[in-house]
Amino acid sequence: MTHAKKLMLSRPFLTRIPDDTLIAESAMGSHLAGTRDEAGRYAMIYAPAGGKFKVRTKCLSGDRLSAAWFDPRNGEISSIGTVANLGELEFEAPGADRRQDWVLILDVVDRLQ
């Protein structure tokens, strides 16, 4: 829980809202949970069983997004890189073990600089 708390406090939290409309499709059939900033500066998707899923990114206010995976087991963040905000993007959680949870972090690149 310490790692999850640090992640949640790493972004503005007074403007954070739950938003499951971020999830366009989940291949694993598990319930994913989404949250984002009202201003569209970032989004986080919690995938309790990893897997592949699609994210609606049209609510994010930039043309480029920095994408990363957060591992709640150890608090490590692994960068995916910068991607174009095409309105809908597909991601697959790292690792072969589909029983592990992950958090996808999307930040608007222009806002990071």
Protein backbone atom coordinates (compact mmCIF):
# COMPACT_ATOMS: atom_id res chain seq x y z
CA MET A 1 0.00 0.00 0.00
CA THR A 2 2.96 2.32 0.56
CA HIS A 3 3.85 2.14 -3.13
CA ALA A 4 0.27 2.79 -4.23
CA LYS A 5 0.04 5.79 -1.90
CA LYS A 6 3.23 7.28 -3.37
CA LEU A 7 1.86 6.84 -6.88
CA MET A 8 -1.46 8.47 -6.05
CA LEU A 9 0.27 11.42 -4.37
CA SER A 10 2.67 11.89 -7.30
CA ARG A 11 -0.02 13.64 -9.34
CA PRO A 12 -2.49 16.40 -8.41
CA PHE A 13 -5.21 14.70 -6.39
CA LEU A 14 -7.70 17.49 -5.72
CA THR A 15 -8.68 17.49 -9.41
CA ARG A 16 -8.65 13.67 -9.80
CA ILE A 17 -11.90 12.02 -10.78
CA PRO A 18 -12.82 8.38 -11.32
CA ASP A 19 -13.44 7.68 -14.99
CA ASP A 20 -14.05 4.14 -16.17
CA THR A 21 -14.96 5.48 -19.63
CA LEU A 22 -11.19 5.55 -20.19
CA ILE A 23 -11.36 1.78 -20.70
CA ALA A 24 -12.45 1.04 -24.26
CA GLU A 25 -11.90 -2.73 -24.20
CA SER A 26 -10.35 -5.39 -22.00
CA ALA A 27 -9.22 -8.74 -23.40
CA MET A 28 -8.99 -10.37 -19.98
CA GLY A 29 -12.57 -9.62 -19.01
CA SER A 30 -11.52 -8.34 -15.59
CA HIS A 31 -12.78 -5.05 -14.23
CA LEU A 32 -10.28 -2.29 -14.88
CA ALA A 33 -10.52 1.01 -13.04
CA GLY A 34 -9.63 4.40 -14.47
CA THR A 35 -8.95 7.79 -12.96
CA ARG A 36 -7.85 11.05 -14.50
CA ASP A 37 -7.28 14.70 -13.88
CA GLU A 38 -10.23 17.01 -14.69
CA ALA A 39 -7.90 19.17 -16.80
CA GLY A 40 -6.75 16.19 -18.86
CA ARG A 41 -3.13 16.27 -17.71
CA TYR A 42 -2.84 12.60 -16.75
CA ALA A 43 -4.71 9.32 -16.45
CA MET A 44 -4.13 6.07 -14.58
CA ILE A 45 -5.66 2.69 -15.36
CA TYR A 46 -5.55 -0.10 -12.77
CA ALA A 47 -5.47 -3.57 -14.31
CA PRO A 48 -5.96 -6.12 -11.50
CA ALA A 49 -5.00 -9.07 -13.73
CA GLY A 50 -2.65 -7.39 -16.22
CA GLY A 51 -3.41 -8.38 -19.80
CA LYS A 52 -4.19 -6.39 -22.91
CA PHE A 53 -6.67 -3.52 -23.04
CA LYS A 54 -7.58 -0.40 -25.00
CA VAL A 55 -7.71 3.08 -23.49
CA ARG A 56 -9.71 6.07 -24.71
CA THR A 57 -7.26 8.97 -24.55
CA LYS A 58 -9.36 11.72 -26.14
CA CYS A 59 -9.96 13.27 -22.68
CA LEU A 60 -6.22 13.95 -22.34
CA SER A 61 -5.30 17.43 -23.51
CA GLY A 62 -2.12 16.87 -25.49
CA ASP A 63 -0.93 15.43 -28.78
CA ARG A 64 1.79 13.32 -27.15
CA LEU A 65 1.62 11.12 -24.08
CA SER A 66 4.30 9.68 -21.86
CA ALA A 67 3.28 6.10 -21.01
CA ALA A 68 4.65 3.95 -18.19
CA TRP A 69 3.83 0.87 -16.14
CA PHE A 70 3.74 1.05 -12.36
CA ASP A 71 4.39 -2.21 -10.48
CA PRO A 72 2.44 -2.03 -7.20
CA ARG A 73 4.47 -4.92 -5.75
CA ASN A 74 7.73 -2.97 -5.60
CA GLY A 75 6.87 0.62 -6.60
CA GLU A 76 9.01 0.55 -9.76
CA ILE A 77 7.98 2.53 -12.83
CA SER A 78 8.96 1.24 -16.28
CA SER A 79 8.73 3.70 -19.14
CA ILE A 80 6.96 2.58 -22.30
CA GLY A 81 7.95 5.80 -24.05
CA THR A 82 6.19 8.65 -25.79
CA VAL A 83 3.16 7.85 -27.92
CA ALA A 84 0.87 9.92 -30.11
CA ASN A 85 -2.51 10.67 -28.60
CA LEU A 86 -4.68 9.03 -31.26
CA GLY A 87 -7.87 8.99 -29.20
CA GLU A 88 -7.63 5.26 -28.49
CA LEU A 89 -4.51 3.24 -27.71
CA GLU A 90 -3.86 -0.41 -26.92
CA PHE A 91 -1.54 -1.55 -24.12
CA GLU A 92 -0.45 -4.91 -22.73
CA ALA A 93 0.85 -5.24 -19.19
CA PRO A 94 4.38 -6.63 -18.87
CA GLY A 95 5.08 -10.20 -17.81
CA ALA A 96 3.56 -13.55 -18.58
CA ASP A 97 1.78 -13.93 -15.24
CA ARG A 98 -1.77 -12.68 -15.78
CA ARG A 99 -2.49 -12.79 -12.07
CA GLN A 100 -0.32 -9.76 -11.38
CA ASP A 101 -1.80 -6.28 -11.15
CA TRP A 102 -0.36 -3.23 -12.90
CA VAL A 103 -1.13 0.48 -13.24
CA LEU A 104 -0.79 2.21 -16.60
CA ILE A 105 0.23 5.86 -16.21
CA LEU A 106 -0.37 8.34 -19.04
CA ASP A 107 0.91 11.90 -18.74
CA VAL A 108 0.53 14.65 -21.31
CA VAL A 109 4.09 15.32 -22.50
CA ASP A 110 3.63 19.06 -23.09
CA ARG A 111 2.61 19.48 -19.45
CA LEU A 112 5.72 17.66 -18.18
CA GLN A 113 8.12 20.15 -19.75
